Amino acid sequence: MKRLAPERIIMKKETLERIRKFTEDRDWDQFHSPANLAKSIVIEAAELLECFQWDNENYDFEHVKEELADVIVYCQDMLDKLGLDADEIINSKMDKNEAKYPVDKAKGRSDKYTEL
């Protein structure tokens, strides 16, 4: 798996501000209920999945990037709406995942934790 250097993984402050300004300038926060944002995340995720519908290897990389960006933007909108910190909720979930999927049982396996 190709990974970026750690300093390139975090969303830049300017990008985060741009996402927020986009919504604010259009007065769209009124439509951003948690339920509407959850629906939008799922819809955009489905559009991302559609990129791979008929071929797992020959896909339009630019289209994949656009759909992935849409998912990330809506996820950031949801974080803002709920007043959540991405690092905090991700690390909390990772703690739970690490407990459910211990390396000695899960390494190299795709089984659900209840089947390990």
Protein backbone atom coordinates (compact mmCIF):
# COMPACT_ATOMS: atom_id res chain seq x y z
CA MET A 1 0.00 0.00 0.00
CA LYS A 2 1.37 3.39 -0.99
CA ARG A 3 1.33 5.80 1.93
CA LEU A 4 2.05 9.49 2.04
CA ALA A 5 4.56 10.98 4.42
CA PRO A 6 2.93 11.76 7.81
CA GLU A 7 3.07 15.50 7.24
CA ARG A 8 0.89 15.10 4.10
CA ILE A 9 -1.88 13.08 5.70
CA ILE A 10 -3.50 15.76 7.85
CA MET A 11 -5.92 18.11 6.14
CA LYS A 12 -4.41 21.55 5.89
CA LYS A 13 -6.06 24.35 7.85
CA GLU A 14 -6.66 26.22 4.59
CA THR A 15 -8.54 23.24 3.14
CA LEU A 16 -10.67 22.90 6.25
CA GLU A 17 -11.48 26.61 6.16
CA ARG A 18 -12.33 26.37 2.46
CA ILE A 19 -14.84 23.56 3.14
CA ARG A 20 -16.46 25.60 5.90
CA LYS A 21 -16.53 28.81 3.82
CA PHE A 22 -18.13 26.98 0.90
CA THR A 23 -21.04 25.91 3.10
CA GLU A 24 -21.27 29.25 4.89
CA ASP A 25 -21.23 31.33 1.69
CA ARG A 26 -24.18 29.34 0.34
CA ASP A 27 -26.11 29.31 3.63
CA TRP A 28 -26.27 25.52 3.43
CA ASP A 29 -25.76 24.81 7.12
CA GLN A 30 -29.54 24.96 7.47
CA PHE A 31 -29.72 21.79 5.37
CA HIS A 32 -26.89 20.02 7.17
CA SER A 33 -28.75 18.10 9.83
CA PRO A 34 -26.91 15.02 11.04
CA ALA A 35 -29.45 12.84 9.20
CA ASN A 36 -29.04 14.74 5.93
CA LEU A 37 -25.26 14.60 6.19
CA ALA A 38 -25.33 10.86 6.92
CA LYS A 39 -27.49 10.36 3.83
CA SER A 40 -25.12 12.47 1.75
CA ILE A 41 -22.10 10.48 2.96
CA VAL A 42 -23.77 7.22 1.96
CA ILE A 43 -24.86 8.60 -1.42
CA GLU A 44 -21.36 9.85 -2.21
CA ALA A 45 -19.84 6.59 -0.98
CA ALA A 46 -22.14 4.73 -3.36
CA GLU A 47 -20.95 6.98 -6.20
CA LEU A 48 -17.38 6.11 -5.21
CA LEU A 49 -18.24 2.41 -5.28
CA GLU A 50 -19.84 2.86 -8.69
CA CYS A 51 -16.38 3.75 -10.04
CA PHE A 52 -15.46 0.09 -9.54
CA GLN A 53 -18.81 -1.44 -10.51
CA TRP A 54 -17.71 -3.41 -13.56
CA ASP A 55 -13.93 -3.45 -13.31
CA ASN A 56 -11.77 -3.55 -10.20
CA GLU A 57 -8.58 -2.61 -12.00
CA ASN A 58 -9.43 -0.31 -14.92
CA TYR A 59 -11.15 2.64 -13.33
CA ASP A 60 -11.12 6.39 -13.86
CA PHE A 61 -8.66 7.57 -11.19
CA GLU A 62 -9.76 11.21 -11.49
CA HIS A 63 -13.39 10.23 -10.94
CA VAL A 64 -12.38 8.15 -7.91
CA LYS A 65 -10.57 11.18 -6.45
CA GLU A 66 -13.61 13.41 -7.00
CA GLU A 67 -16.02 10.99 -5.33
CA LEU A 68 -13.63 10.33 -2.45
CA ALA A 69 -13.31 14.11 -1.96
CA ASP A 70 -17.11 14.39 -1.78
CA VAL A 71 -17.20 11.72 0.95
CA ILE A 72 -14.46 13.46 2.94
CA VAL A 73 -16.11 16.88 2.64
CA TYR A 74 -19.43 15.54 3.92
CA CYS A 75 -17.62 13.72 6.74
CA GLN A 76 -15.96 16.99 7.74
CA ASP A 77 -19.34 18.72 7.61
CA MET A 78 -20.70 16.01 9.94
CA LEU A 79 -17.78 16.44 12.34
CA ASP A 80 -18.48 20.17 12.45
CA LYS A 81 -22.23 19.74 12.88
CA LEU A 82 -21.76 17.36 15.81
CA GLY A 83 -18.81 19.23 17.33
CA LEU A 84 -16.53 16.21 17.04
CA ASP A 85 -12.77 15.92 16.74
CA ALA A 86 -11.68 13.47 14.03
CA ASP A 87 -8.53 12.35 15.89
CA GLU A 88 -10.48 11.73 19.08
CA ILE A 89 -13.25 9.63 17.55
CA ILE A 90 -10.88 7.71 15.27
CA ASN A 91 -8.53 6.84 18.12
CA SER A 92 -11.46 5.79 20.29
CA LYS A 93 -12.70 3.48 17.52
CA MET A 94 -9.18 2.15 16.87
CA ASP A 95 -8.93 1.20 20.57
CA LYS A 96 -12.09 -0.86 20.17
CA ASN A 97 -10.95 -2.38 16.85
CA GLU A 98 -7.58 -3.37 18.30
CA ALA A 99 -9.35 -5.14 21.17
CA LYS A 100 -11.76 -6.94 18.80
CA TYR A 101 -9.08 -7.87 16.29
CA PRO A 102 -5.91 -8.84 18.19
CA VAL A 103 -2.94 -9.26 15.87
CA ASP A 104 -2.28 -12.83 16.96
CA LYS A 105 -5.79 -13.88 15.90
CA ALA A 106 -6.58 -11.53 13.02
CA LYS A 107 -3.31 -11.21 11.10
CA GLY A 108 -3.83 -12.23 7.49
CA ARG A 109 -7.51 -13.06 8.04
CA SER A 110 -10.65 -11.24 6.93
CA ASP A 111 -12.99 -12.99 9.36
CA LYS A 112 -15.34 -10.93 11.49
CA TYR A 113 -14.15 -10.62 15.09
CA THR A 114 -16.88 -13.01 16.26
CA GLU A 115 -15.33 -15.70 14.03
CA LEU A 116 -11.70 -15.36 15.16
